[in-house]
Each structure stands twice: as structure tokens, then as C-alpha cells.
N, C-alpha and C. Protein backbone atom coordinates (compact mmCIF):
# COMPACT_ATOMS: atom_id res chain seq x y z
N MET A 1 -1.65 -210.15 24.11
CA MET A 1 -0.61 -210.11 23.35
C MET A 1 -0.69 -208.86 22.57
N ILE A 2 0.81 -208.28 22.76
CA ILE A 2 0.69 -207.08 21.83
C ILE A 2 1.98 -207.34 20.65
N SER A 3 1.34 -207.11 19.36
CA SER A 3 2.10 -207.47 18.45
C SER A 3 3.04 -206.36 17.81
N GLU A 4 2.45 -205.13 17.67
CA GLU A 4 3.18 -203.79 17.15
C GLU A 4 3.30 -202.79 17.85
N LEU A 5 3.73 -202.67 19.21
CA LEU A 5 3.58 -201.63 20.08
C LEU A 5 4.35 -200.54 19.68
N ARG A 6 3.75 -199.29 19.52
CA ARG A 6 4.59 -198.08 19.04
C ARG A 6 3.75 -196.97 19.75
N VAL A 7 4.58 -195.89 20.12
CA VAL A 7 4.06 -194.63 20.94
C VAL A 7 4.28 -193.47 20.08
N ARG A 8 3.02 -192.80 19.91
CA ARG A 8 3.40 -191.36 18.90
C ARG A 8 2.39 -190.33 19.68
N PRO A 9 2.85 -189.08 19.07
CA PRO A 9 1.86 -187.96 19.75
C PRO A 9 0.25 -188.08 19.28
N ALA A 10 -0.35 -188.03 20.24
CA ALA A 10 -1.81 -187.84 20.17
C ALA A 10 -2.13 -186.94 19.32
N THR A 11 -3.28 -187.26 18.80
CA THR A 11 -4.28 -186.28 17.75
C THR A 11 -5.68 -185.98 18.24
N PRO A 12 -6.32 -185.07 17.88
CA PRO A 12 -7.76 -184.95 18.37
C PRO A 12 -8.54 -186.16 18.01
N ALA A 13 -7.99 -186.90 16.94
CA ALA A 13 -8.87 -188.33 16.78
C ALA A 13 -8.70 -189.26 18.03
N ASP A 14 -7.90 -189.07 18.70
CA ASP A 14 -7.35 -190.19 19.65
C ASP A 14 -8.16 -189.63 21.16
N VAL A 15 -8.70 -188.62 21.11
CA VAL A 15 -9.62 -188.35 22.17
C VAL A 15 -10.40 -189.01 22.78
N HIS A 16 -11.35 -189.54 22.11
CA HIS A 16 -12.36 -190.54 22.54
C HIS A 16 -11.63 -192.00 22.94
N ALA A 17 -10.40 -192.41 22.41
CA ALA A 17 -9.99 -193.41 22.93
C ALA A 17 -9.20 -193.10 24.23
N ILE A 18 -8.35 -191.90 24.72
CA ILE A 18 -8.09 -191.61 25.62
C ILE A 18 -8.97 -191.67 26.85
N HIS A 19 -9.98 -190.95 26.40
CA HIS A 19 -11.25 -190.65 27.45
C HIS A 19 -11.44 -192.36 27.85
N ASP A 20 -11.82 -193.07 27.01
CA ASP A 20 -12.21 -194.31 27.41
C ASP A 20 -10.98 -195.39 28.25
N LEU A 21 -9.95 -194.90 27.78
CA LEU A 21 -8.79 -195.69 28.54
C LEU A 21 -8.71 -194.88 29.96
N VAL A 22 -9.04 -193.74 30.31
CA VAL A 22 -8.96 -193.21 31.92
C VAL A 22 -10.17 -193.15 32.68
N GLU A 23 -11.36 -193.50 31.62
CA GLU A 23 -12.70 -193.46 32.42
C GLU A 23 -12.68 -194.64 33.68
N PRO A 24 -12.07 -195.95 33.46
CA PRO A 24 -12.34 -196.93 34.42
C PRO A 24 -11.42 -196.54 35.80
N TYR A 25 -10.18 -196.00 35.50
CA TYR A 25 -9.36 -195.41 36.50
C TYR A 25 -9.90 -194.63 37.26
N ALA A 26 -10.76 -193.36 36.50
CA ALA A 26 -11.16 -192.23 37.23
C ALA A 26 -12.31 -192.78 38.00
N THR A 27 -13.23 -193.83 37.53
CA THR A 27 -14.10 -194.33 38.27
C THR A 27 -13.66 -194.83 39.66
N GLU A 28 -12.43 -195.69 39.77
CA GLU A 28 -11.98 -196.35 40.86
C GLU A 28 -11.06 -195.06 41.56
N ARG A 29 -11.12 -193.72 41.24
CA ARG A 29 -10.42 -192.62 41.91
C ARG A 29 -8.83 -193.01 41.94
N ILE A 30 -8.36 -193.59 40.87
CA ILE A 30 -7.01 -193.88 40.68
C ILE A 30 -6.19 -192.49 39.80
N LEU A 31 -7.21 -192.18 38.91
CA LEU A 31 -6.95 -191.01 38.09
C LEU A 31 -8.06 -190.15 38.09
N LEU A 32 -7.60 -188.82 37.94
CA LEU A 32 -8.68 -187.78 37.94
C LEU A 32 -9.43 -187.67 36.40
N ALA A 33 -10.89 -187.27 36.80
CA ALA A 33 -11.42 -187.40 35.71
C ALA A 33 -11.29 -186.16 34.79
N LYS A 34 -11.74 -186.07 33.61
CA LYS A 34 -11.47 -184.72 33.11
C LYS A 34 -12.71 -184.49 32.02
N GLU A 35 -12.90 -183.37 31.89
CA GLU A 35 -14.25 -183.18 31.02
C GLU A 35 -13.56 -183.37 29.44
N TRP A 36 -14.41 -183.59 28.45
CA TRP A 36 -14.03 -183.77 27.32
C TRP A 36 -13.15 -182.67 26.75
N VAL A 37 -13.66 -181.33 26.98
CA VAL A 37 -13.08 -180.20 26.63
C VAL A 37 -11.43 -180.09 27.34
N GLY A 38 -11.36 -180.79 28.54
CA GLY A 38 -9.88 -180.88 28.99
C GLY A 38 -9.09 -181.69 28.19
N TYR A 39 -9.50 -182.77 27.62
CA TYR A 39 -9.03 -183.56 26.62
C TYR A 39 -8.38 -182.93 25.45
N TYR A 40 -9.27 -182.43 24.76
CA TYR A 40 -8.94 -181.54 23.64
C TYR A 40 -8.05 -180.40 23.80
N GLU A 41 -8.24 -179.71 24.84
CA GLU A 41 -7.45 -178.59 25.21
C GLU A 41 -6.14 -179.07 25.52
N ALA A 42 -5.65 -180.37 25.94
CA ALA A 42 -4.21 -180.71 26.54
C ALA A 42 -3.88 -182.03 25.21
N VAL A 43 -4.60 -182.25 24.04
CA VAL A 43 -4.25 -183.30 23.24
C VAL A 43 -2.66 -183.33 23.15
N GLN A 44 -2.16 -181.82 22.64
CA GLN A 44 -0.67 -181.86 22.24
C GLN A 44 0.19 -182.29 23.47
N GLU A 45 -0.32 -182.36 24.72
CA GLU A 45 0.50 -182.78 25.67
C GLU A 45 0.57 -184.35 25.70
N PHE A 46 -0.32 -185.02 25.04
CA PHE A 46 -0.52 -186.66 25.18
C PHE A 46 0.37 -187.29 24.16
N VAL A 47 0.79 -188.46 24.63
CA VAL A 47 1.35 -189.32 23.62
C VAL A 47 0.35 -190.76 23.62
N VAL A 48 0.33 -191.41 22.85
CA VAL A 48 -0.35 -192.77 22.77
C VAL A 48 0.44 -193.84 22.44
N ALA A 49 -0.04 -195.21 23.22
CA ALA A 49 0.69 -196.16 22.82
C ALA A 49 -0.62 -196.99 21.86
N VAL A 50 0.09 -197.59 20.66
CA VAL A 50 -0.80 -198.14 19.77
C VAL A 50 -0.35 -199.44 19.36
N ASP A 51 -1.21 -200.33 19.13
CA ASP A 51 -0.86 -201.85 18.59
C ASP A 51 -1.90 -201.97 17.42
N GLY A 52 -0.98 -202.02 16.31
CA GLY A 52 -1.86 -201.78 15.07
C GLY A 52 -2.49 -200.41 15.05
N ASP A 53 -3.79 -200.57 14.96
CA ASP A 53 -4.72 -199.25 14.93
C ASP A 53 -5.26 -199.19 16.34
N ASP A 54 -4.89 -200.22 17.27
CA ASP A 54 -5.68 -199.78 18.58
C ASP A 54 -4.96 -198.94 19.38
N VAL A 55 -5.64 -197.90 20.08
CA VAL A 55 -4.99 -196.93 21.10
C VAL A 55 -5.07 -198.08 22.33
N ILE A 56 -4.15 -198.48 22.96
CA ILE A 56 -4.12 -199.50 24.13
C ILE A 56 -3.35 -198.57 25.34
N GLY A 57 -2.96 -197.21 25.36
CA GLY A 57 -2.26 -196.58 26.58
C GLY A 57 -2.31 -195.14 26.04
N CYS A 58 -2.02 -194.45 27.07
CA CYS A 58 -1.91 -192.91 26.91
C CYS A 58 -1.07 -192.23 28.10
N GLY A 59 -0.70 -191.13 27.98
CA GLY A 59 0.24 -190.53 28.96
C GLY A 59 0.34 -189.12 28.37
N ALA A 60 0.36 -188.11 29.40
CA ALA A 60 0.72 -187.10 29.14
C ALA A 60 1.73 -185.94 29.69
N LEU A 61 2.72 -185.40 29.10
CA LEU A 61 3.61 -184.40 29.96
C LEU A 61 2.89 -182.86 29.93
N HIS A 62 2.98 -182.59 31.20
CA HIS A 62 2.40 -181.17 31.30
C HIS A 62 3.46 -180.08 32.10
N VAL A 63 3.93 -179.33 31.15
CA VAL A 63 5.06 -178.15 31.68
C VAL A 63 4.60 -177.43 32.46
N MET A 64 5.13 -177.16 33.78
CA MET A 64 4.79 -176.41 35.03
C MET A 64 5.58 -175.34 35.27
N TRP A 65 6.87 -175.39 34.83
CA TRP A 65 7.93 -174.28 34.99
C TRP A 65 9.09 -174.57 33.99
N SER A 66 10.05 -173.58 33.98
CA SER A 66 11.19 -173.51 33.33
C SER A 66 11.97 -174.90 33.17
N ASP A 67 11.91 -175.62 34.37
CA ASP A 67 12.46 -176.85 34.41
C ASP A 67 11.93 -177.95 34.95
N LEU A 68 10.52 -177.78 35.28
CA LEU A 68 9.72 -178.81 35.72
C LEU A 68 8.41 -179.16 34.88
N ALA A 69 8.07 -180.53 35.02
CA ALA A 69 6.88 -180.86 34.18
C ALA A 69 6.28 -181.88 35.15
N GLU A 70 5.05 -182.32 34.83
CA GLU A 70 4.35 -183.46 35.30
C GLU A 70 4.07 -184.45 34.33
N ILE A 71 4.16 -185.78 34.64
CA ILE A 71 3.53 -186.82 34.17
C ILE A 71 2.10 -186.75 34.56
N ARG A 72 1.19 -186.97 33.59
CA ARG A 72 -0.42 -187.08 33.96
C ARG A 72 -0.84 -188.28 33.03
N THR A 73 -2.10 -188.83 33.70
CA THR A 73 -2.92 -189.31 32.89
C THR A 73 -2.22 -190.53 32.29
N LEU A 74 -1.43 -191.36 32.86
CA LEU A 74 -0.76 -192.49 32.44
C LEU A 74 -1.87 -193.48 32.57
N ALA A 75 -2.33 -194.15 31.68
CA ALA A 75 -3.37 -195.22 31.47
C ALA A 75 -2.95 -196.16 30.41
N VAL A 76 -3.22 -197.52 30.80
CA VAL A 76 -3.09 -198.59 29.92
C VAL A 76 -4.14 -199.51 29.84
N ASP A 77 -4.64 -199.91 28.61
CA ASP A 77 -5.77 -200.81 28.73
C ASP A 77 -5.43 -201.95 29.66
N PRO A 78 -6.58 -202.38 30.64
CA PRO A 78 -6.21 -203.17 31.81
C PRO A 78 -6.00 -204.34 31.05
N SER A 79 -6.27 -205.01 29.81
CA SER A 79 -6.14 -206.43 29.08
C SER A 79 -4.75 -206.36 28.71
N ARG A 80 -4.17 -205.03 28.39
CA ARG A 80 -2.67 -204.96 27.89
C ARG A 80 -1.58 -204.63 28.98
N ARG A 81 -1.96 -204.62 30.28
CA ARG A 81 -1.01 -204.38 31.30
C ARG A 81 0.04 -205.36 31.46
N ARG A 82 1.25 -204.96 31.88
CA ARG A 82 1.95 -206.12 32.25
C ARG A 82 2.87 -206.56 31.08
N HIS A 83 2.68 -205.76 30.12
CA HIS A 83 3.28 -206.05 28.61
C HIS A 83 4.45 -204.99 28.31
N GLY A 84 4.61 -204.13 28.91
CA GLY A 84 5.57 -202.94 28.81
C GLY A 84 5.10 -201.71 28.13
N VAL A 85 3.86 -201.71 28.14
CA VAL A 85 3.15 -200.48 27.41
C VAL A 85 3.50 -199.27 28.19
N GLY A 86 3.15 -199.51 29.69
CA GLY A 86 3.28 -198.24 30.57
C GLY A 86 4.65 -197.57 30.46
N HIS A 87 5.49 -198.79 30.62
CA HIS A 87 7.04 -198.26 30.56
C HIS A 87 7.42 -197.50 29.19
N ALA A 88 7.04 -198.15 28.02
CA ALA A 88 7.19 -197.42 26.73
C ALA A 88 6.54 -196.10 26.92
N LEU A 89 5.30 -195.86 27.33
CA LEU A 89 4.64 -194.48 27.45
C LEU A 89 5.73 -193.53 28.19
N LEU A 90 6.06 -194.19 29.43
CA LEU A 90 7.07 -193.22 30.20
C LEU A 90 8.26 -192.91 30.12
N ARG A 91 9.04 -193.88 29.03
CA ARG A 91 10.21 -193.71 28.70
C ARG A 91 9.94 -192.48 27.47
N THR A 92 8.86 -192.31 26.59
CA THR A 92 8.71 -191.38 25.81
C THR A 92 8.26 -190.11 26.24
N LEU A 93 7.73 -190.09 27.46
CA LEU A 93 7.25 -188.84 28.09
C LEU A 93 8.69 -188.15 28.54
N LEU A 94 9.58 -189.26 29.23
CA LEU A 94 10.86 -188.46 29.78
C LEU A 94 11.67 -188.12 28.63
N ASP A 95 11.55 -188.78 27.53
CA ASP A 95 12.37 -188.32 26.51
C ASP A 95 11.90 -186.96 26.00
N ARG A 96 10.72 -186.68 26.08
CA ARG A 96 10.12 -185.56 25.46
C ARG A 96 10.47 -184.41 26.35
N ALA A 97 10.43 -184.70 27.83
CA ALA A 97 11.03 -183.68 28.75
C ALA A 97 12.55 -183.21 28.52
N ARG A 98 13.17 -184.23 28.10
CA ARG A 98 14.81 -183.77 28.16
C ARG A 98 14.83 -182.99 26.84
N ALA A 99 13.84 -183.51 25.84
CA ALA A 99 13.99 -182.55 24.34
C ALA A 99 13.50 -181.07 24.93
N PHE A 100 12.85 -181.16 25.76
CA PHE A 100 12.49 -179.60 26.39
C PHE A 100 13.26 -178.93 26.88
N GLY A 101 14.45 -179.56 27.44
CA GLY A 101 15.42 -179.07 28.34
C GLY A 101 15.12 -178.96 29.91
N LEU A 102 14.05 -179.83 30.27
CA LEU A 102 13.48 -179.79 31.66
C LEU A 102 14.81 -180.91 32.68
N ARG A 103 14.58 -180.30 33.64
CA ARG A 103 15.45 -181.01 34.77
C ARG A 103 14.74 -181.99 35.69
N ARG A 104 13.80 -181.75 35.94
CA ARG A 104 12.75 -182.59 37.03
C ARG A 104 11.45 -182.90 36.41
N VAL A 105 10.95 -183.89 36.93
CA VAL A 105 9.51 -184.50 36.21
C VAL A 105 8.92 -184.96 37.63
N PHE A 106 7.58 -184.61 38.05
CA PHE A 106 6.90 -185.00 39.01
C PHE A 106 5.58 -185.69 38.66
N CYS A 107 5.44 -186.50 39.59
CA CYS A 107 4.11 -187.43 39.31
C CYS A 107 3.38 -187.56 40.61
N LEU A 108 2.43 -187.88 40.78
CA LEU A 108 1.26 -188.15 41.91
C LEU A 108 0.67 -189.35 41.40
N THR A 109 0.98 -190.20 42.35
CA THR A 109 0.66 -191.74 41.90
C THR A 109 0.36 -192.70 42.79
N PHE A 110 -0.45 -193.69 42.62
CA PHE A 110 -0.22 -195.06 43.32
C PHE A 110 0.55 -196.00 43.04
N GLU A 111 0.95 -195.90 41.93
CA GLU A 111 2.03 -197.15 41.32
C GLU A 111 3.43 -196.62 41.64
N VAL A 112 3.89 -196.68 42.99
CA VAL A 112 5.23 -195.92 43.53
C VAL A 112 6.26 -197.00 43.13
N ASP A 113 5.85 -198.51 42.99
CA ASP A 113 7.06 -199.24 42.42
C ASP A 113 7.41 -199.14 40.98
N PHE A 114 6.32 -198.68 40.08
CA PHE A 114 6.62 -198.58 38.72
C PHE A 114 7.29 -197.36 38.57
N PHE A 115 6.94 -196.07 38.98
CA PHE A 115 7.77 -194.95 39.20
C PHE A 115 9.24 -195.00 39.44
N ALA A 116 9.28 -195.89 40.78
CA ALA A 116 10.72 -195.84 41.38
C ALA A 116 11.45 -196.76 40.43
N SER A 117 10.84 -197.63 39.79
CA SER A 117 11.77 -198.34 38.71
C SER A 117 12.30 -197.71 37.78
N HIS A 118 11.85 -196.25 37.33
CA HIS A 118 12.33 -195.45 36.40
C HIS A 118 13.22 -194.30 37.26
N GLY A 119 13.32 -194.43 38.43
CA GLY A 119 14.22 -193.46 39.09
C GLY A 119 13.37 -192.25 39.81
N PHE A 120 12.12 -192.27 39.86
CA PHE A 120 11.43 -191.64 40.63
C PHE A 120 11.65 -191.64 42.12
N GLU A 121 11.54 -190.81 42.96
CA GLU A 121 11.91 -190.64 44.34
C GLU A 121 10.79 -189.99 45.05
N VAL A 122 10.23 -190.64 46.26
CA VAL A 122 9.25 -189.95 46.86
C VAL A 122 9.68 -188.66 47.51
N ILE A 123 8.85 -187.66 47.40
CA ILE A 123 9.22 -186.41 48.11
C ILE A 123 8.24 -185.72 49.01
N ALA A 124 8.53 -184.97 49.87
CA ALA A 124 7.89 -184.12 50.80
C ALA A 124 8.12 -182.77 50.73
N GLY A 125 7.08 -182.05 50.99
CA GLY A 125 7.23 -180.53 50.71
C GLY A 125 7.16 -180.37 49.13
N THR A 126 7.79 -179.00 48.88
CA THR A 126 7.43 -178.66 47.51
C THR A 126 8.78 -178.19 47.10
N PRO A 127 9.61 -179.02 46.36
CA PRO A 127 10.79 -178.63 45.80
C PRO A 127 11.15 -177.41 44.95
N VAL A 128 10.71 -176.45 45.07
CA VAL A 128 10.83 -175.08 44.33
C VAL A 128 11.48 -174.10 44.94
N ALA A 129 11.76 -173.25 44.37
CA ALA A 129 12.39 -171.74 45.27
C ALA A 129 11.20 -170.93 45.88
N PRO A 130 11.10 -170.38 46.52
CA PRO A 130 9.93 -169.50 47.30
C PRO A 130 9.13 -168.52 45.91
N ASP A 131 10.14 -167.93 45.24
CA ASP A 131 9.69 -167.13 44.05
C ASP A 131 8.68 -167.71 42.91
N VAL A 132 9.14 -169.19 42.80
CA VAL A 132 8.50 -169.97 41.95
C VAL A 132 7.34 -170.64 42.33
N TYR A 133 7.35 -170.80 43.89
CA TYR A 133 6.20 -171.33 44.54
C TYR A 133 5.15 -170.30 44.41
N ALA A 134 5.33 -168.86 44.70
CA ALA A 134 4.43 -167.90 44.67
C ALA A 134 3.89 -167.92 43.29
N GLU A 135 4.60 -168.05 42.16
CA GLU A 135 3.96 -167.96 40.74
C GLU A 135 3.24 -169.17 40.46
N LEU A 136 3.51 -170.26 40.94
CA LEU A 136 2.91 -171.68 40.84
C LEU A 136 1.32 -171.49 41.56
N LEU A 137 1.36 -170.81 42.59
CA LEU A 137 0.07 -170.52 43.37
C LEU A 137 -0.97 -169.77 42.30
N ARG A 138 -0.47 -169.17 41.47
CA ARG A 138 -1.44 -168.31 40.50
C ARG A 138 -2.22 -169.33 39.46
N SER A 139 -1.80 -170.47 39.64
CA SER A 139 -2.08 -171.41 38.28
C SER A 139 -3.19 -172.09 38.80
N HIS A 140 -4.54 -172.15 37.66
CA HIS A 140 -5.65 -172.71 37.95
C HIS A 140 -5.69 -174.19 37.88
N ASP A 141 -4.72 -174.71 37.50
CA ASP A 141 -4.57 -176.16 37.38
C ASP A 141 -4.58 -177.18 38.54
N ASP A 142 -5.30 -178.02 38.55
CA ASP A 142 -5.28 -178.96 39.80
C ASP A 142 -4.15 -179.75 39.98
N GLY A 143 -3.35 -180.03 38.81
CA GLY A 143 -1.93 -180.95 38.88
C GLY A 143 -1.05 -180.04 39.56
N VAL A 144 -0.96 -178.49 39.29
CA VAL A 144 -0.10 -177.71 39.99
C VAL A 144 -0.24 -177.39 41.33
N ALA A 145 -1.68 -177.43 41.78
CA ALA A 145 -2.11 -177.40 42.80
C ALA A 145 -1.62 -178.70 43.91
N GLU A 146 -1.93 -179.83 42.98
CA GLU A 146 -1.34 -181.26 43.73
C GLU A 146 0.24 -181.24 43.88
N PHE A 147 0.98 -180.67 42.88
CA PHE A 147 2.50 -180.50 42.99
C PHE A 147 2.90 -179.69 44.38
N LEU A 148 2.14 -178.71 44.46
CA LEU A 148 2.15 -177.90 45.71
C LEU A 148 1.70 -178.53 47.04
N ASP A 149 0.94 -179.44 46.95
CA ASP A 149 0.21 -180.00 48.03
C ASP A 149 -0.62 -179.22 48.65
N LEU A 150 -1.43 -178.30 47.98
CA LEU A 150 -2.34 -177.34 48.56
C LEU A 150 -3.65 -178.17 49.08
N ALA A 151 -4.10 -177.65 50.26
CA ALA A 151 -5.17 -178.40 51.14
C ALA A 151 -6.82 -178.34 50.22
N ARG A 152 -6.72 -177.64 49.22
CA ARG A 152 -8.09 -177.60 48.43
C ARG A 152 -8.15 -179.06 47.45
N VAL A 153 -7.03 -179.78 47.13
CA VAL A 153 -7.04 -180.69 46.31
C VAL A 153 -6.81 -181.89 47.27
N LYS A 154 -6.43 -181.95 48.56
CA LYS A 154 -6.34 -182.99 49.26
C LYS A 154 -7.46 -184.03 49.11
N PRO A 155 -8.68 -183.91 48.99
CA PRO A 155 -9.89 -185.14 48.66
C PRO A 155 -9.30 -185.59 47.46
N ASN A 156 -8.79 -185.08 46.39
CA ASN A 156 -8.61 -185.96 45.17
C ASN A 156 -7.24 -186.67 45.38
N THR A 157 -6.57 -186.38 46.29
CA THR A 157 -5.11 -187.04 46.31
C THR A 157 -4.80 -188.02 47.69
N LEU A 158 -5.88 -188.34 48.28
CA LEU A 158 -5.70 -189.02 49.59
C LEU A 158 -5.27 -190.34 49.00
N GLY A 159 -4.27 -191.00 49.66
CA GLY A 159 -3.39 -192.28 49.23
C GLY A 159 -2.46 -192.31 48.24
N ASN A 160 -2.69 -191.06 47.28
CA ASN A 160 -1.56 -190.91 46.23
C ASN A 160 -0.15 -190.43 46.84
N THR A 161 0.94 -190.79 46.21
CA THR A 161 2.34 -190.51 46.52
C THR A 161 2.64 -189.53 45.55
N ARG A 162 3.53 -188.49 46.16
CA ARG A 162 4.19 -187.50 45.38
C ARG A 162 5.69 -187.92 45.15
N MET A 163 6.02 -188.06 43.84
CA MET A 163 7.30 -188.51 43.42
C MET A 163 8.02 -187.50 42.42
N LEU A 164 9.50 -187.23 42.55
CA LEU A 164 9.88 -186.44 41.65
C LEU A 164 11.36 -187.23 41.10
N LEU A 165 11.72 -186.98 39.94
CA LEU A 165 12.69 -187.41 38.96
C LEU A 165 13.77 -186.34 38.52
N ASP A 166 14.84 -186.38 39.07
CA ASP A 166 16.10 -185.62 38.51
C ASP A 166 16.52 -186.01 37.18
N LEU A 167 16.21 -185.18 36.09
CA LEU A 167 16.80 -185.79 34.76
C LEU A 167 18.22 -185.52 34.50
N GLY A 168 18.86 -184.89 35.70
CA GLY A 168 20.28 -184.42 35.49
C GLY A 168 20.99 -185.45 35.33
């Protein structure tokens, strides 16, 4: 049961809780594991769901281009699933994307029905102009490589579905 669900920006003090939320999903290869330094470097991208003082969920919005971001690392404590935590996190991240003036949000997921319920649609190919594609190829970020559907990340993405939401 959740008594006081709220979503707020993550702080460096939340990194251990974020890591602990992601770890079981990473072990099952549902989410990509990150090094500790990766969480700290990206903490400003994260929001956390809290119930009282307990961090019970997390998610990140990673800006990829002037009009495009990716929802990443959306995880909910397994004992708190099916209580609206994931929906609250995703709504907050989408509001953040809108506040940044972004038009589209990408995700790579096993939870197709969840994201479809928020308007995401399955995509094929890479929906960016050739010049943007060429620039994105320069990124060292695995999430960008997943968006581009590059062969080097295929072992990490087997079974995942690429989805996109137009915020327009």
C-alpha cells in the first residue's frame, strides 16, 4: 500500500536507492546495468517516486537532440508495482520533456502495453533526418546507439521494443 506517493527530482543522496531499484531488473536483463559513476553523472536526469521517506521508483529523461529525448531506467520496487508508481513517474518525465520544448520521446522497452497506454507507438527504422542521424552516430552513449538501432548494441536489446511518442 502506498500512503504518500510523490515524484521529485533525484539528488545525489538518492543514487544508492536508484541503484538498488535497478539492480534486480538489470540482473534479469530487463534494464541495462550502470556503473556507480554513471548514476552520479546522470542524477540530474532522474526523478524518484517516494512514499514518505522511501524511494520506491525512479526514471530518467535523457535529451538526445533538440526535439528528442529518451525515457530511461524506469524502475519500480517490485512490491509497489501495480499501484500507479510507474504511471506517475512517466507522467512527470513527459511533463519535463514538454517543459524542455521537446517534440518526441523514445523508449526501448519490454513493457509495450504500459508505454502504449501513454500514447507511445512501436517504430521501425530511425525517425530522424540523415544529418541528425550522422551527428547522433558520434555519441558514445549506448541509449543513443539503441535509438539508432546499431548492430553493436543488439546483444543488449534482444526482445526489447523500440517505441516513440509524439508530444505534438
